[in-house]
Amino acid sequence: MKRSKYVKWLAILGVIALLCMGAGCGGNGGETGESGAASGTSAEADSTAQLIGQWQSENLPDYIYTFNADGTGQYDMAGNILELTYTVQDGKITMTFLTQGYQPVTLAYVLDGDRLNIKDSFGSDTFYNRVQN
């Protein structure tokens, strides 16, 4: 019971951190978070292609990102699904959650094979592993 409450609060804090980052930086360098993953250069297209698939949190296995080839996806937070669009540019991913009230957020990431590190809005490492189908 206590773990369930802890996980819920952790999820809420994570979403709040994402929202604070999106709202607090006064913009995201001209990126709008529009649908469509390819940003133009072949290096960015390669980066986007490498992200396609499902990524499961190392610490919270019920938290899974799904990135589709068309720039859409979702974030499953233990059954609470947030639909999103994303773009990739210069080692950063910009996600726009399609729920009213959410601002686009741009986060640095590092991809190392089947391990994805998305830096949260405080610069902390958050690791995800590719889900093998």
Protein backbone atom coordinates (compact mmCIF):
# COMPACT_ATOMS: atom_id res chain seq x y z
CA MET A 1 0.00 0.00 0.00
CA LYS A 2 2.73 2.47 0.93
CA ARG A 3 4.72 1.64 -2.24
CA SER A 4 1.64 2.34 -4.35
CA LYS A 5 1.26 5.78 -2.78
CA TYR A 6 4.98 6.43 -3.24
CA VAL A 7 4.81 5.50 -6.93
CA LYS A 8 1.75 7.72 -7.47
CA TRP A 9 3.42 10.69 -5.80
CA LEU A 10 6.62 10.08 -7.74
CA ALA A 11 4.63 10.08 -10.99
CA ILE A 12 2.84 13.28 -10.04
CA LEU A 13 6.12 14.97 -9.12
CA GLY A 14 7.67 13.84 -12.40
CA VAL A 15 4.82 15.32 -14.42
CA ILE A 16 4.98 18.53 -12.38
CA ALA A 17 8.73 18.74 -13.04
CA LEU A 18 8.09 18.33 -16.78
CA LEU A 19 5.42 21.02 -16.67
CA CYS A 20 7.61 23.39 -14.68
CA MET A 21 10.42 23.02 -17.15
CA GLY A 22 8.15 23.70 -20.11
CA ALA A 23 6.48 26.67 -18.49
CA GLY A 24 9.52 28.02 -16.68
CA CYS A 25 11.93 28.43 -19.55
CA GLY A 26 9.79 30.93 -21.44
CA GLY A 27 9.93 28.95 -24.64
CA ASN A 28 12.02 26.20 -26.08
CA GLY A 29 14.29 27.81 -28.62
CA GLY A 30 11.65 28.18 -31.29
CA GLU A 31 10.58 24.55 -31.27
CA THR A 32 6.85 24.09 -31.17
CA GLY A 33 6.58 20.41 -30.44
CA GLU A 34 4.57 19.90 -33.60
CA SER A 35 3.96 16.38 -34.80
CA GLY A 36 6.61 14.91 -37.05
CA ALA A 37 9.79 13.36 -35.79
CA ALA A 38 12.15 14.19 -38.64
CA SER A 39 13.74 17.59 -38.21
CA GLY A 40 15.62 17.85 -41.46
CA THR A 41 19.21 16.60 -41.21
CA SER A 42 20.19 12.98 -41.70
CA ALA A 43 21.91 12.92 -38.28
CA GLU A 44 18.63 14.00 -36.64
CA ALA A 45 16.69 11.47 -38.71
CA ASP A 46 19.12 8.75 -37.54
CA SER A 47 18.68 9.87 -33.92
CA THR A 48 14.92 9.76 -34.30
CA ALA A 49 15.04 6.31 -35.91
CA GLN A 50 17.09 4.98 -32.98
CA LEU A 51 14.45 6.22 -30.50
CA ILE A 52 11.55 4.45 -32.19
CA GLY A 53 10.10 1.76 -29.95
CA GLN A 54 9.22 1.27 -26.31
CA TRP A 55 11.43 2.28 -23.39
CA GLN A 56 10.81 0.97 -19.87
CA SER A 57 12.01 2.81 -16.78
CA GLU A 58 14.76 1.01 -14.87
CA ASN A 59 13.45 2.21 -11.50
CA LEU A 60 9.71 2.15 -12.17
CA PRO A 61 8.94 -0.70 -14.62
CA ASP A 62 5.32 0.40 -15.03
CA TYR A 63 6.53 3.63 -16.69
CA ILE A 64 7.05 3.24 -20.42
CA TYR A 65 7.67 5.70 -23.24
CA THR A 66 6.59 4.72 -26.73
CA PHE A 67 8.03 6.67 -29.66
CA ASN A 68 6.51 6.01 -33.10
CA ALA A 69 8.17 6.73 -36.45
CA ASP A 70 5.59 9.43 -37.30
CA GLY A 71 6.55 11.64 -34.33
CA THR A 72 3.69 10.50 -32.10
CA GLY A 73 3.86 8.40 -28.97
CA GLN A 74 2.72 8.01 -25.42
CA TYR A 75 3.95 7.93 -21.86
CA ASP A 76 2.37 5.17 -19.79
CA MET A 77 2.64 6.01 -16.10
CA ALA A 78 1.44 2.80 -14.47
CA GLY A 79 -1.74 2.79 -16.54
CA ASN A 80 -2.18 6.57 -16.81
CA ILE A 81 -1.56 7.19 -20.50
CA LEU A 82 -0.43 10.57 -21.85
CA GLU A 83 -0.49 10.84 -25.64
CA LEU A 84 2.33 12.95 -27.06
CA THR A 85 4.13 14.22 -30.11
CA TYR A 86 7.89 14.60 -30.23
CA THR A 87 10.78 15.99 -32.22
CA VAL A 88 14.50 15.39 -31.88
CA GLN A 89 17.21 17.99 -32.48
CA ASP A 90 20.77 18.52 -31.23
CA GLY A 91 20.70 15.78 -28.59
CA LYS A 92 17.39 16.98 -27.17
CA ILE A 93 13.89 15.64 -27.38
CA THR A 94 10.92 18.01 -27.31
CA MET A 95 7.70 16.36 -26.17
CA THR A 96 4.27 17.89 -26.33
CA PHE A 97 1.73 16.05 -24.22
CA LEU A 98 -1.67 16.22 -25.88
CA THR A 99 -3.54 16.84 -22.65
CA GLN A 100 -4.91 20.31 -22.05
CA GLY A 101 -2.68 22.44 -19.85
CA TYR A 102 0.63 20.76 -20.68
CA GLN A 103 3.42 22.86 -22.16
CA PRO A 104 6.03 21.38 -24.55
CA VAL A 105 9.16 20.26 -22.71
CA THR A 106 12.65 19.92 -24.13
CA LEU A 107 14.99 17.50 -22.37
CA ALA A 108 18.54 16.37 -23.12
CA TYR A 109 18.97 12.68 -23.79
CA VAL A 110 21.77 10.20 -24.41
CA LEU A 111 21.17 6.97 -26.27
CA ASP A 112 23.64 4.13 -25.69
CA GLY A 113 22.47 1.05 -27.57
CA ASP A 114 19.36 -0.23 -25.82
CA ARG A 115 19.68 2.16 -22.88
CA LEU A 116 18.17 5.65 -22.99
CA ASN A 117 19.01 8.37 -20.49
CA ILE A 118 16.54 11.24 -20.47
CA LYS A 119 17.72 14.08 -18.25
CA ASP A 120 14.84 15.37 -16.19
CA SER A 121 14.13 19.07 -15.77
CA PHE A 122 16.62 19.20 -12.89
CA GLY A 123 19.40 17.56 -14.94
CA SER A 124 19.14 14.23 -13.15
CA ASP A 125 19.59 10.99 -15.07
CA THR A 126 16.49 8.89 -15.75
CA PHE A 127 17.31 5.58 -17.41
CA TYR A 128 15.07 3.52 -19.68
CA ASN A 129 15.75 0.19 -21.37
CA ARG A 130 14.45 -0.74 -24.81
CA VAL A 131 11.56 -3.22 -24.58
CA GLN A 132 12.39 -6.21 -26.75
CA ASN A 133 9.45 -7.46 -28.78
